[in-house]
Amino acid sequence: MGIESNILRYLLRDVYFITGTAYAGKSTMVRLLAERYDGVFCGENYHSCLEDAIDPQHQPALCYINENTDWQAFVSRTPEEYNQWIINCGKEAAGLEIALLLNYAAQGRKIFVDTNIPLDILHEIADPNHVLIMLSPQDTSVNRFFEREDAEKQFLYQVIMGCPEPEKVMANFRECLRVINSDANYKELENSGFRCLYRDDRRTVEETLTLVCETFGLERE
């Protein structure tokens, strides 16, 4: 049994979605919006709170991480395999995200989401004025992937460095990231019909936040 898209759109009318590429500022903007408007903050991978609910039959891509016992094989996958896994994770996570957002919506507060919900689903369930795509230069997430201090990225870095041929594995993993940030994927985001905001290091965080608020039609509070 599914819920019709018009019903979901109505129930999710107070949800504001930000998607796009890495290092574009999505997580920062979602956090600042939630603070400014006393809203619900749904940061990157917020759906992980439902980790105990998933199973390999229904969410094989999401379960891959939890059940994986060979991390060197994980970082050594071909770019095509890695890209397809990322796509499948987004599709599987969409159901988890929507379930959580329906629950949060009952609070009657604005909800700000760093989302991985695929574009076609966002077109069905979201007010188009409540979706923003934030984009960074295509090579940014490739070149700066391991600069962040979060545990997941540093763990993968250590796995790569522990491989028999770390330079070769690192080159392959960066190629995986390039495929995710390919021209085709970038243009799909740009031509999605949703508004886009490009990273500009000349802007301050506050200036970017102002642009995001204007894009969403949110008044300063």
N, C-alpha and C. Protein backbone atom coordinates (compact mmCIF):
# COMPACT_ATOMS: atom_id res chain seq x y z
N MET A 1 0.84 -1.19 0.00
CA MET A 1 0.00 0.00 0.00
C MET A 1 0.88 1.24 0.00
N GLY A 2 0.58 2.16 -0.89
CA GLY A 2 1.33 3.40 -0.96
C GLY A 2 0.44 4.59 -0.64
N ILE A 3 1.05 5.70 -0.30
CA ILE A 3 0.32 6.94 -0.05
C ILE A 3 0.44 7.80 -1.29
N GLU A 4 -0.67 8.28 -1.80
CA GLU A 4 -0.66 9.08 -3.02
C GLU A 4 0.17 10.35 -2.82
N SER A 5 0.83 10.78 -3.91
CA SER A 5 1.77 11.89 -3.82
C SER A 5 1.11 13.19 -3.38
N ASN A 6 -0.15 13.41 -3.75
CA ASN A 6 -0.80 14.66 -3.34
C ASN A 6 -1.02 14.70 -1.84
N ILE A 7 -1.26 13.54 -1.23
CA ILE A 7 -1.43 13.48 0.23
C ILE A 7 -0.09 13.74 0.91
N LEU A 8 0.97 13.12 0.38
CA LEU A 8 2.29 13.34 0.94
C LEU A 8 2.69 14.81 0.82
N ARG A 9 2.40 15.40 -0.33
CA ARG A 9 2.75 16.82 -0.52
C ARG A 9 2.05 17.70 0.50
N TYR A 10 0.81 17.37 0.79
CA TYR A 10 0.06 18.14 1.79
C TYR A 10 0.65 17.95 3.18
N LEU A 11 0.92 16.72 3.54
CA LEU A 11 1.44 16.44 4.88
C LEU A 11 2.86 17.00 5.08
N LEU A 12 3.60 17.10 3.98
CA LEU A 12 4.98 17.58 4.06
C LEU A 12 5.09 19.05 3.65
N ARG A 13 4.01 19.78 3.76
CA ARG A 13 3.98 21.17 3.29
C ARG A 13 4.91 22.10 4.07
N ASP A 14 5.30 21.72 5.27
CA ASP A 14 6.20 22.55 6.07
C ASP A 14 7.64 22.04 6.06
N VAL A 15 7.94 21.18 5.09
CA VAL A 15 9.29 20.62 4.98
C VAL A 15 10.06 21.36 3.89
N TYR A 16 11.30 21.69 4.19
CA TYR A 16 12.18 22.38 3.24
C TYR A 16 13.38 21.48 2.97
N PHE A 17 13.54 21.10 1.70
CA PHE A 17 14.55 20.13 1.31
C PHE A 17 15.76 20.82 0.68
N ILE A 18 16.95 20.44 1.10
CA ILE A 18 18.17 20.87 0.43
C ILE A 18 18.93 19.62 -0.01
N THR A 19 19.24 19.57 -1.30
CA THR A 19 20.02 18.46 -1.84
C THR A 19 21.12 19.05 -2.71
N GLY A 20 21.93 18.19 -3.33
CA GLY A 20 23.00 18.69 -4.17
C GLY A 20 24.28 17.92 -3.99
N THR A 21 25.41 18.61 -4.15
CA THR A 21 26.71 17.96 -4.10
C THR A 21 27.41 18.22 -2.77
N ALA A 22 28.46 17.46 -2.52
CA ALA A 22 29.22 17.63 -1.29
C ALA A 22 29.96 18.96 -1.28
N TYR A 23 30.23 19.47 -0.10
CA TYR A 23 30.96 20.72 0.11
C TYR A 23 30.25 21.94 -0.48
N ALA A 24 28.94 21.84 -0.62
CA ALA A 24 28.17 22.99 -1.11
C ALA A 24 27.57 23.79 0.04
N GLY A 25 27.60 23.24 1.25
CA GLY A 25 27.07 23.95 2.41
C GLY A 25 25.70 23.49 2.86
N LYS A 26 25.25 22.33 2.38
CA LYS A 26 23.91 21.85 2.69
C LYS A 26 23.68 21.68 4.19
N SER A 27 24.57 20.94 4.83
CA SER A 27 24.39 20.65 6.26
C SER A 27 24.41 21.92 7.09
N THR A 28 25.31 22.83 6.74
CA THR A 28 25.40 24.10 7.48
C THR A 28 24.12 24.89 7.36
N MET A 29 23.58 24.98 6.14
CA MET A 29 22.36 25.76 5.94
C MET A 29 21.16 25.13 6.65
N VAL A 30 21.05 23.82 6.60
CA VAL A 30 19.95 23.15 7.28
C VAL A 30 20.01 23.41 8.78
N ARG A 31 21.19 23.34 9.35
CA ARG A 31 21.35 23.60 10.79
C ARG A 31 20.99 25.04 11.14
N LEU A 32 21.47 25.99 10.35
CA LEU A 32 21.21 27.40 10.64
C LEU A 32 19.74 27.76 10.43
N LEU A 33 19.11 27.16 9.44
CA LEU A 33 17.68 27.40 9.22
C LEU A 33 16.86 26.90 10.40
N ALA A 34 17.20 25.70 10.87
CA ALA A 34 16.47 25.14 12.02
C ALA A 34 16.64 26.02 13.25
N GLU A 35 17.83 26.57 13.43
CA GLU A 35 18.07 27.45 14.57
C GLU A 35 17.28 28.75 14.43
N ARG A 36 17.30 29.33 13.24
CA ARG A 36 16.65 30.63 13.04
C ARG A 36 15.14 30.52 13.19
N TYR A 37 14.55 29.46 12.68
CA TYR A 37 13.09 29.35 12.65
C TYR A 37 12.54 28.37 13.68
N ASP A 38 13.37 28.00 14.65
CA ASP A 38 12.95 27.05 15.68
C ASP A 38 12.33 25.82 15.04
N GLY A 39 13.02 25.31 14.04
CA GLY A 39 12.50 24.17 13.30
C GLY A 39 13.16 22.87 13.68
N VAL A 40 12.78 21.82 12.99
CA VAL A 40 13.34 20.49 13.19
C VAL A 40 14.55 20.35 12.27
N PHE A 41 15.68 19.98 12.84
CA PHE A 41 16.92 19.82 12.08
C PHE A 41 17.10 18.37 11.67
N CYS A 42 17.16 18.13 10.36
CA CYS A 42 17.40 16.79 9.83
C CYS A 42 18.70 16.84 9.03
N GLY A 43 19.80 16.54 9.70
CA GLY A 43 21.11 16.64 9.07
C GLY A 43 21.44 15.44 8.21
N GLU A 44 22.66 15.42 7.71
CA GLU A 44 23.10 14.36 6.81
C GLU A 44 22.89 12.98 7.44
N ASN A 45 22.27 12.09 6.66
CA ASN A 45 22.01 10.71 7.10
C ASN A 45 21.18 10.64 8.38
N TYR A 46 20.27 11.58 8.55
CA TYR A 46 19.42 11.57 9.75
C TYR A 46 18.57 10.31 9.83
N HIS A 47 18.36 9.65 8.70
CA HIS A 47 17.54 8.44 8.69
C HIS A 47 18.24 7.26 9.35
N SER A 48 19.51 7.42 9.72
CA SER A 48 20.24 6.30 10.35
C SER A 48 19.63 5.89 11.68
N CYS A 49 18.75 6.74 12.24
CA CYS A 49 18.08 6.35 13.48
C CYS A 49 17.14 5.17 13.27
N LEU A 50 16.85 4.85 12.00
CA LEU A 50 16.01 3.69 11.68
C LEU A 50 16.86 2.48 11.27
N GLU A 51 18.12 2.51 11.62
CA GLU A 51 19.04 1.45 11.23
C GLU A 51 18.57 0.07 11.66
N ASP A 52 17.97 -0.02 12.83
CA ASP A 52 17.52 -1.32 13.34
C ASP A 52 16.28 -1.83 12.61
N ALA A 53 15.64 -0.98 11.83
CA ALA A 53 14.41 -1.38 11.16
C ALA A 53 14.66 -1.98 9.78
N ILE A 54 15.83 -1.73 9.20
CA ILE A 54 16.06 -2.17 7.83
C ILE A 54 16.53 -3.63 7.80
N ASP A 55 16.35 -4.26 6.64
CA ASP A 55 16.82 -5.64 6.47
C ASP A 55 17.31 -5.83 5.03
N PRO A 56 18.16 -6.84 4.80
CA PRO A 56 18.77 -7.03 3.48
C PRO A 56 17.76 -7.29 2.37
N GLN A 57 16.61 -7.83 2.70
CA GLN A 57 15.60 -8.12 1.67
C GLN A 57 15.01 -6.84 1.10
N HIS A 58 14.74 -5.88 1.97
CA HIS A 58 14.08 -4.65 1.54
C HIS A 58 15.05 -3.50 1.28
N GLN A 59 16.17 -3.48 1.99
CA GLN A 59 17.15 -2.39 1.85
C GLN A 59 18.57 -2.96 1.71
N PRO A 60 18.83 -3.71 0.63
CA PRO A 60 20.14 -4.36 0.50
C PRO A 60 21.31 -3.37 0.42
N ALA A 61 21.12 -2.25 -0.24
CA ALA A 61 22.22 -1.29 -0.37
C ALA A 61 22.55 -0.65 0.96
N LEU A 62 21.53 -0.26 1.72
CA LEU A 62 21.77 0.33 3.03
C LEU A 62 22.36 -0.68 4.00
N CYS A 63 21.96 -1.93 3.87
CA CYS A 63 22.48 -2.97 4.77
C CYS A 63 23.91 -3.36 4.43
N TYR A 64 24.35 -3.04 3.24
CA TYR A 64 25.70 -3.41 2.81
C TYR A 64 26.75 -2.90 3.80
N ILE A 65 26.57 -1.67 4.27
CA ILE A 65 27.53 -1.09 5.21
C ILE A 65 27.55 -1.87 6.52
N ASN A 66 26.36 -2.15 7.04
CA ASN A 66 26.28 -2.82 8.35
C ASN A 66 26.81 -4.25 8.30
N GLU A 67 26.63 -4.91 7.16
CA GLU A 67 27.01 -6.31 7.05
C GLU A 67 28.39 -6.53 6.44
N ASN A 68 29.00 -5.43 5.99
CA ASN A 68 30.29 -5.56 5.31
C ASN A 68 31.39 -6.00 6.28
N THR A 69 32.17 -6.97 5.84
CA THR A 69 33.29 -7.45 6.66
C THR A 69 34.64 -7.26 5.95
N ASP A 70 34.59 -6.78 4.71
CA ASP A 70 35.83 -6.58 3.94
C ASP A 70 35.87 -5.14 3.44
N TRP A 71 36.41 -4.26 4.25
CA TRP A 71 36.42 -2.84 3.89
C TRP A 71 37.40 -2.53 2.77
N GLN A 72 38.42 -3.34 2.61
CA GLN A 72 39.33 -3.12 1.49
C GLN A 72 38.61 -3.39 0.17
N ALA A 73 37.71 -4.37 0.17
CA ALA A 73 36.90 -4.63 -1.03
C ALA A 73 35.94 -3.47 -1.27
N PHE A 74 35.43 -2.88 -0.19
CA PHE A 74 34.51 -1.75 -0.29
C PHE A 74 35.15 -0.58 -1.02
N VAL A 75 36.39 -0.23 -0.65
CA VAL A 75 37.05 0.92 -1.28
C VAL A 75 37.68 0.56 -2.62
N SER A 76 37.64 -0.72 -2.99
CA SER A 76 38.26 -1.16 -4.24
C SER A 76 37.23 -1.45 -5.33
N ARG A 77 35.97 -1.17 -5.06
CA ARG A 77 34.95 -1.40 -6.08
C ARG A 77 35.18 -0.52 -7.30
N THR A 78 34.66 -0.95 -8.44
CA THR A 78 34.80 -0.14 -9.64
C THR A 78 33.94 1.12 -9.51
N PRO A 79 34.29 2.18 -10.23
CA PRO A 79 33.48 3.40 -10.18
C PRO A 79 32.01 3.14 -10.53
N GLU A 80 31.78 2.24 -11.47
CA GLU A 80 30.40 1.94 -11.86
C GLU A 80 29.64 1.27 -10.73
N GLU A 81 30.29 0.34 -10.04
CA GLU A 81 29.66 -0.34 -8.90
C GLU A 81 29.38 0.65 -7.78
N TYR A 82 30.33 1.51 -7.51
CA TYR A 82 30.18 2.48 -6.43
C TYR A 82 29.05 3.46 -6.73
N ASN A 83 29.01 3.94 -7.97
CA ASN A 83 27.96 4.88 -8.36
C ASN A 83 26.58 4.25 -8.25
N GLN A 84 26.44 3.00 -8.69
CA GLN A 84 25.14 2.33 -8.62
C GLN A 84 24.73 2.10 -7.17
N TRP A 85 25.70 1.80 -6.32
CA TRP A 85 25.40 1.63 -4.89
C TRP A 85 24.89 2.93 -4.29
N ILE A 86 25.51 4.04 -4.62
CA ILE A 86 25.06 5.34 -4.13
C ILE A 86 23.63 5.62 -4.59
N ILE A 87 23.33 5.34 -5.85
CA ILE A 87 21.98 5.54 -6.38
C ILE A 87 20.98 4.68 -5.63
N ASN A 88 21.32 3.42 -5.42
CA ASN A 88 20.42 2.50 -4.72
C ASN A 88 20.20 2.92 -3.27
N CYS A 89 21.26 3.42 -2.63
CA CYS A 89 21.11 3.90 -1.25
C CYS A 89 20.12 5.04 -1.18
N GLY A 90 20.19 5.96 -2.14
CA GLY A 90 19.27 7.09 -2.16
C GLY A 90 17.83 6.64 -2.31
N LYS A 91 17.61 5.66 -3.19
CA LYS A 91 16.25 5.15 -3.41
C LYS A 91 15.72 4.46 -2.16
N GLU A 92 16.56 3.65 -1.53
CA GLU A 92 16.12 2.93 -0.33
C GLU A 92 15.92 3.88 0.85
N ALA A 93 16.79 4.87 0.95
CA ALA A 93 16.69 5.82 2.07
C ALA A 93 15.47 6.72 1.95
N ALA A 94 14.96 6.90 0.72
CA ALA A 94 13.81 7.78 0.53
C ALA A 94 12.63 7.35 1.38
N GLY A 95 12.37 6.06 1.44
CA GLY A 95 11.25 5.57 2.25
C GLY A 95 11.46 5.86 3.73
N LEU A 96 12.70 5.70 4.19
CA LEU A 96 13.00 5.99 5.59
C LEU A 96 12.84 7.47 5.88
N GLU A 97 13.34 8.30 4.97
CA GLU A 97 13.24 9.74 5.16
C GLU A 97 11.78 10.19 5.22
N ILE A 98 10.98 9.72 4.29
CA ILE A 98 9.58 10.13 4.24
C ILE A 98 8.85 9.70 5.51
N ALA A 99 9.13 8.49 5.97
CA ALA A 99 8.48 8.01 7.20
C ALA A 99 8.83 8.91 8.38
N LEU A 100 10.10 9.28 8.50
CA LEU A 100 10.52 10.16 9.59
C LEU A 100 9.91 11.55 9.45
N LEU A 101 9.88 12.07 8.23
CA LEU A 101 9.36 13.42 8.02
C LEU A 101 7.86 13.49 8.32
N LEU A 102 7.14 12.44 8.00
CA LEU A 102 5.71 12.41 8.35
C LEU A 102 5.54 12.45 9.87
N ASN A 103 6.42 11.76 10.57
CA ASN A 103 6.36 11.77 12.03
C ASN A 103 6.70 13.15 12.57
N TYR A 104 7.75 13.76 12.05
CA TYR A 104 8.15 15.08 12.52
C TYR A 104 7.11 16.15 12.17
N ALA A 105 6.44 15.97 11.04
CA ALA A 105 5.46 16.97 10.60
C ALA A 105 4.33 17.13 11.60
N ALA A 106 4.07 16.09 12.38
CA ALA A 106 2.99 16.16 13.37
C ALA A 106 3.29 17.17 14.47
N GLN A 107 4.55 17.61 14.57
CA GLN A 107 4.91 18.59 15.59
C GLN A 107 4.44 20.00 15.24
N GLY A 108 4.07 20.20 13.97
CA GLY A 108 3.59 21.51 13.56
C GLY A 108 4.68 22.56 13.42
N ARG A 109 5.92 22.13 13.28
CA ARG A 109 7.05 23.05 13.11
C ARG A 109 7.63 22.92 11.71
N LYS A 110 8.35 23.92 11.28
CA LYS A 110 9.07 23.83 10.02
C LYS A 110 10.17 22.78 10.16
N ILE A 111 10.41 22.06 9.07
CA ILE A 111 11.41 20.99 9.07
C ILE A 111 12.41 21.28 7.96
N PHE A 112 13.68 21.21 8.29
CA PHE A 112 14.74 21.52 7.33
C PHE A 112 15.62 20.28 7.16
N VAL A 113 15.75 19.85 5.89
CA VAL A 113 16.30 18.52 5.62
C VAL A 113 17.48 18.57 4.64
N ASP A 114 18.57 17.96 5.05
CA ASP A 114 19.67 17.65 4.14
C ASP A 114 19.34 16.27 3.59
N THR A 115 18.82 16.24 2.37
CA THR A 115 18.18 15.01 1.88
C THR A 115 18.94 14.31 0.77
N ASN A 116 18.73 13.00 0.70
CA ASN A 116 19.22 12.19 -0.42
C ASN A 116 18.06 11.64 -1.24
N ILE A 117 16.86 12.14 -1.00
CA ILE A 117 15.70 11.67 -1.77
C ILE A 117 15.92 12.00 -3.25
N PRO A 118 15.75 11.03 -4.14
CA PRO A 118 15.97 11.27 -5.57
C PRO A 118 15.08 12.39 -6.11
N LEU A 119 15.55 13.05 -7.15
CA LEU A 119 14.85 14.21 -7.70
C LEU A 119 13.44 13.88 -8.17
N ASP A 120 13.25 12.71 -8.79
CA ASP A 120 11.92 12.38 -9.30
C ASP A 120 10.91 12.24 -8.17
N ILE A 121 11.37 11.74 -7.03
CA ILE A 121 10.46 11.62 -5.88
C ILE A 121 10.19 12.99 -5.27
N LEU A 122 11.21 13.84 -5.21
CA LEU A 122 10.99 15.20 -4.69
C LEU A 122 9.96 15.94 -5.53
N HIS A 123 9.98 15.74 -6.83
CA HIS A 123 8.99 16.38 -7.69
C HIS A 123 7.57 15.93 -7.33
N GLU A 124 7.44 14.71 -6.84
CA GLU A 124 6.12 14.19 -6.51
C GLU A 124 5.63 14.64 -5.14
N ILE A 125 6.53 14.73 -4.16
CA ILE A 125 6.08 14.90 -2.77
C ILE A 125 6.31 16.29 -2.20
N ALA A 126 7.08 17.13 -2.90
CA ALA A 126 7.47 18.41 -2.31
C ALA A 126 6.93 19.59 -3.09
N ASP A 127 6.63 20.65 -2.37
CA ASP A 127 6.37 21.94 -2.99
C ASP A 127 7.66 22.37 -3.70
N PRO A 128 7.61 22.65 -5.01
CA PRO A 128 8.85 23.00 -5.72
C PRO A 128 9.57 24.21 -5.14
N ASN A 129 8.83 25.07 -4.45
CA ASN A 129 9.44 26.23 -3.80
C ASN A 129 10.10 25.87 -2.48
N HIS A 130 9.97 24.61 -2.09
CA HIS A 130 10.57 24.13 -0.85
C HIS A 130 11.75 23.20 -1.12
N VAL A 131 12.28 23.26 -2.33
CA VAL A 131 13.43 22.43 -2.69
C VAL A 131 14.54 23.33 -3.23
N LEU A 132 15.73 23.16 -2.71
CA LEU A 132 16.89 23.92 -3.18
C LEU A 132 18.04 22.96 -3.45
N ILE A 133 18.69 23.15 -4.58
CA ILE A 133 19.87 22.36 -4.92
C ILE A 133 21.10 23.24 -4.72
N MET A 134 22.00 22.78 -3.86
CA MET A 134 23.24 23.51 -3.60
C MET A 134 24.39 22.76 -4.27
N LEU A 135 25.17 23.50 -5.05
CA LEU A 135 26.22 22.89 -5.86
C LEU A 135 27.58 23.50 -5.57
N SER A 136 28.58 22.64 -5.47
CA SER A 136 29.97 23.07 -5.36
C SER A 136 30.67 22.70 -6.67
N PRO A 137 31.85 23.25 -6.94
CA PRO A 137 32.60 22.84 -8.14
C PRO A 137 32.76 21.33 -8.17
N GLN A 138 32.71 20.77 -9.38
CA GLN A 138 32.67 19.32 -9.51
C GLN A 138 33.88 18.62 -8.90
N ASP A 139 35.03 19.25 -8.93
CA ASP A 139 36.23 18.58 -8.42
C ASP A 139 36.41 18.75 -6.91
N THR A 140 35.54 19.55 -6.28
CA THR A 140 35.74 19.84 -4.87
C THR A 140 35.61 18.60 -4.00
N SER A 141 34.53 17.85 -4.18
CA SER A 141 34.33 16.68 -3.33
C SER A 141 35.33 15.57 -3.63
N VAL A 142 35.91 15.60 -4.83
CA VAL A 142 36.94 14.61 -5.17
C VAL A 142 38.25 14.95 -4.46
N ASN A 143 38.63 16.21 -4.55
CA ASN A 143 39.93 16.63 -4.01
C ASN A 143 39.92 16.83 -2.50
N ARG A 144 38.73 17.11 -1.94
CA ARG A 144 38.67 17.45 -0.51
C ARG A 144 37.93 16.41 0.33
N PHE A 145 37.66 15.25 -0.26
CA PHE A 145 36.83 14.25 0.42
C PHE A 145 37.36 13.88 1.80
N PHE A 146 38.66 13.74 1.92
CA PHE A 146 39.24 13.29 3.19
C PHE A 146 39.68 14.44 4.09
N GLU A 147 39.34 15.67 3.71
CA GLU A 147 39.70 16.81 4.55
C GLU A 147 38.82 16.92 5.79
N ARG A 148 37.60 16.40 5.69
CA ARG A 148 36.70 16.48 6.83
C ARG A 148 37.13 15.51 7.92
N GLU A 149 36.87 15.91 9.14
CA GLU A 149 37.32 15.13 10.29
C GLU A 149 36.30 14.09 10.75
N ASP A 150 35.16 13.95 10.02
CA ASP A 150 34.16 13.01 10.50
C ASP A 150 34.71 11.59 10.46
N ALA A 151 34.22 10.78 11.39
CA ALA A 151 34.78 9.45 11.62
C ALA A 151 34.70 8.55 10.39
N GLU A 152 33.60 8.65 9.64
CA GLU A 152 33.41 7.76 8.49
C GLU A 152 34.51 7.97 7.44
N LYS A 153 34.76 9.24 7.09
CA LYS A 153 35.76 9.51 6.05
C LYS A 153 37.17 9.16 6.52
N GLN A 154 37.46 9.43 7.77
CA GLN A 154 38.79 9.10 8.28
C GLN A 154 38.99 7.59 8.39
N PHE A 155 37.90 6.87 8.67
CA PHE A 155 37.98 5.41 8.69
C PHE A 155 38.32 4.88 7.30
N LEU A 156 37.62 5.39 6.28
CA LEU A 156 37.89 4.95 4.91
C LEU A 156 39.31 5.29 4.49
N TYR A 157 39.79 6.44 4.92
CA TYR A 157 41.17 6.83 4.59
C TYR A 157 42.16 5.83 5.17
N GLN A 158 41.93 5.43 6.41
CA GLN A 158 42.82 4.45 7.05
C GLN A 158 42.74 3.09 6.36
N VAL A 159 41.53 2.72 5.91
CA VAL A 159 41.38 1.46 5.17
C VAL A 159 42.20 1.50 3.89
N ILE A 160 42.09 2.60 3.16
CA ILE A 160 42.83 2.74 1.90
C ILE A 160 44.33 2.69 2.16
N MET A 161 44.79 3.39 3.17
CA MET A 161 46.22 3.42 3.48
C MET A 161 46.72 2.04 3.93
N GLY A 162 45.81 1.18 4.40
CA GLY A 162 46.19 -0.14 4.85
C GLY A 162 46.15 -1.19 3.75
N CYS A 163 45.73 -0.82 2.55
CA CYS A 163 45.68 -1.75 1.43
C CYS A 163 47.09 -2.04 0.91
N PRO A 164 47.29 -3.20 0.27
CA PRO A 164 48.61 -3.55 -0.25
C PRO A 164 49.17 -2.51 -1.23
N GLU A 165 48.29 -1.90 -2.04
CA GLU A 165 48.71 -0.86 -2.98
C GLU A 165 47.87 0.39 -2.74
N PRO A 166 48.15 1.13 -1.68
CA PRO A 166 47.29 2.26 -1.29
C PRO A 166 47.17 3.34 -2.36
N GLU A 167 48.25 3.62 -3.09
CA GLU A 167 48.17 4.67 -4.11
C GLU A 167 47.20 4.28 -5.22
N LYS A 168 47.25 3.01 -5.61
CA LYS A 168 46.35 2.52 -6.65
C LYS A 168 44.90 2.54 -6.17
N VAL A 169 44.68 2.11 -4.93
CA VAL A 169 43.33 2.09 -4.37
C VAL A 169 42.80 3.51 -4.21
N MET A 170 43.65 4.44 -3.77
CA MET A 170 43.22 5.83 -3.62
C MET A 170 42.83 6.42 -4.97
N ALA A 171 43.61 6.14 -6.00
CA ALA A 171 43.29 6.64 -7.34
C ALA A 171 41.96 6.09 -7.82
N ASN A 172 41.72 4.80 -7.54
CA ASN A 172 40.44 4.20 -7.93
C ASN A 172 39.28 4.81 -7.17
N PHE A 173 39.48 5.05 -5.86
CA PHE A 173 38.40 5.61 -5.05
C PHE A 173 38.08 7.04 -5.49
N ARG A 174 39.10 7.80 -5.83
CA ARG A 174 38.85 9.15 -6.33
C ARG A 174 38.11 9.11 -7.66
N GLU A 175 38.38 8.09 -8.46
CA GLU A 175 37.65 7.94 -9.71
C GLU A 175 36.18 7.62 -9.43
N CYS A 176 35.92 6.86 -8.37
CA CYS A 176 34.53 6.61 -7.95
C CYS A 176 33.83 7.93 -7.64
N LEU A 177 34.53 8.80 -6.93
CA LEU A 177 33.96 10.10 -6.58
C LEU A 177 33.75 10.96 -7.82
N ARG A 178 34.65 10.84 -8.80
CA ARG A 178 34.48 11.61 -10.03
C ARG A 178 33.23 11.18 -10.79
N VAL A 179 32.95 9.88 -10.78
CA VAL A 179 31.75 9.39 -11.47
C VAL A 179 30.50 9.94 -10.81
N ILE A 180 30.49 9.96 -9.47
CA ILE A 180 29.34 10.53 -8.76
C ILE A 180 29.16 11.99 -9.12
N ASN A 181 30.26 12.70 -9.34
CA ASN A 181 30.23 14.12 -9.66
C ASN A 181 30.47 14.37 -11.15
N SER A 182 30.03 13.44 -11.97
CA SER A 182 30.23 13.54 -13.41
C SER A 182 29.43 14.69 -14.01
N ASP A 183 29.78 15.06 -15.24
CA ASP A 183 29.04 16.11 -15.94
C ASP A 183 27.56 15.75 -16.05
N ALA A 184 27.29 14.48 -16.34
CA ALA A 184 25.89 14.06 -16.50
C ALA A 184 25.11 14.23 -15.21
N ASN A 185 25.68 13.80 -14.10
CA ASN A 185 24.98 13.94 -12.81
C ASN A 185 24.83 15.40 -12.43
N TYR A 186 25.85 16.21 -12.71
CA TYR A 186 25.81 17.63 -12.38
C TYR A 186 24.72 18.33 -13.19
N LYS A 187 24.67 18.01 -14.47
CA LYS A 187 23.66 18.64 -15.33
C LYS A 187 22.25 18.19 -14.96
N GLU A 188 22.12 16.96 -14.50
CA GLU A 188 20.81 16.49 -14.05
C GLU A 188 20.31 17.34 -12.89
N LEU A 189 21.19 17.69 -11.99
CA LEU A 189 20.82 18.56 -10.87
C LEU A 189 20.47 19.96 -11.38
N GLU A 190 21.32 20.49 -12.26
CA GLU A 190 21.09 21.84 -12.77
C GLU A 190 19.80 21.96 -13.56
N ASN A 191 19.45 20.89 -14.27
CA ASN A 191 18.27 20.92 -15.15
C ASN A 191 17.05 20.25 -14.53
N SER A 192 17.07 20.10 -13.22
CA SER A 192 15.99 19.38 -12.54
C SER A 192 14.69 20.16 -12.46
N GLY A 193 14.76 21.46 -12.67
CA GLY A 193 13.57 22.29 -12.50
C GLY A 193 13.50 22.95 -11.14
N PHE A 194 14.38 22.52 -10.23
CA PHE A 194 14.47 23.16 -8.92
C PHE A 194 15.52 24.27 -8.96
N ARG A 195 15.39 25.22 -8.06
CA ARG A 195 16.35 26.31 -8.03
C ARG A 195 17.70 25.84 -7.49
N CYS A 196 18.75 26.44 -8.04
CA CYS A 196 20.11 26.06 -7.67
C CYS A 196 20.85 27.25 -7.04
N LEU A 197 21.73 26.93 -6.12
CA LEU A 197 22.59 27.93 -5.50
C LEU A 197 24.02 27.37 -5.52
N TYR A 198 24.91 28.12 -6.15
CA TYR A 198 26.28 27.66 -6.34
C TYR A 198 27.20 28.17 -5.22
N ARG A 199 28.09 27.32 -4.79
CA ARG A 199 29.06 27.72 -3.77
C ARG A 199 29.90 28.87 -4.29
N ASP A 200 30.07 29.87 -3.46
CA ASP A 200 30.90 31.02 -3.79
C ASP A 200 31.66 31.40 -2.52
N ASP A 201 32.95 31.13 -2.52
CA ASP A 201 33.75 31.36 -1.32
C ASP A 201 33.90 32.84 -0.99
N ARG A 202 33.46 33.71 -1.89
CA ARG A 202 33.48 35.14 -1.59
C ARG A 202 32.32 35.54 -0.69
N ARG A 203 31.29 34.68 -0.61
CA ARG A 203 30.15 34.96 0.26
C ARG A 203 30.44 34.50 1.67
N THR A 204 29.90 35.22 2.64
CA THR A 204 29.95 34.76 4.03
C THR A 204 28.85 33.73 4.24
N VAL A 205 28.94 33.00 5.33
CA VAL A 205 27.89 32.04 5.67
C VAL A 205 26.56 32.77 5.85
N GLU A 206 26.59 33.92 6.49
CA GLU A 206 25.37 34.69 6.72
C GLU A 206 24.75 35.16 5.41
N GLU A 207 25.58 35.55 4.46
CA GLU A 207 25.07 35.97 3.15
C GLU A 207 24.43 34.79 2.41
N THR A 208 25.06 33.63 2.52
CA THR A 208 24.47 32.43 1.90
C THR A 208 23.15 32.08 2.56
N LEU A 209 23.10 32.18 3.87
CA LEU A 209 21.85 31.90 4.59
C LEU A 209 20.74 32.84 4.14
N THR A 210 21.06 34.10 3.94
CA THR A 210 20.07 35.07 3.47
C THR A 210 19.52 34.66 2.11
N LEU A 211 20.40 34.22 1.22
CA LEU A 211 19.96 33.78 -0.11
C LEU A 211 19.06 32.55 -0.02
N VAL A 212 19.42 31.64 0.86
CA VAL A 212 18.60 30.43 1.03
C VAL A 212 17.22 30.79 1.56
N CYS A 213 17.17 31.68 2.55
CA CYS A 213 15.89 32.12 3.10
C CYS A 213 15.03 32.78 2.03
N GLU A 214 15.65 33.61 1.21
CA GLU A 214 14.92 34.27 0.13
C GLU A 214 14.40 33.25 -0.88
N THR A 215 15.22 32.26 -1.17
CA THR A 215 14.80 31.22 -2.11
C THR A 215 13.58 30.47 -1.60
N PHE A 216 13.56 30.19 -0.31
CA PHE A 216 12.45 29.47 0.29
C PHE A 216 11.27 30.39 0.64
N GLY A 217 11.44 31.68 0.46
CA GLY A 217 10.36 32.60 0.81
C GLY A 217 10.15 32.73 2.30
N LEU A 218 11.21 32.52 3.06
CA LEU A 218 11.12 32.60 4.52
C LEU A 218 11.48 34.01 4.98
N GLU A 219 10.67 34.55 5.86
CA GLU A 219 10.94 35.88 6.38
C GLU A 219 11.89 35.77 7.56
N ARG A 220 12.68 36.80 7.72
CA ARG A 220 13.62 36.81 8.84
C ARG A 220 12.86 36.92 10.15
N GLU A 221 13.23 36.09 11.11
CA GLU A 221 12.58 36.10 12.41
C GLU A 221 13.60 36.37 13.50
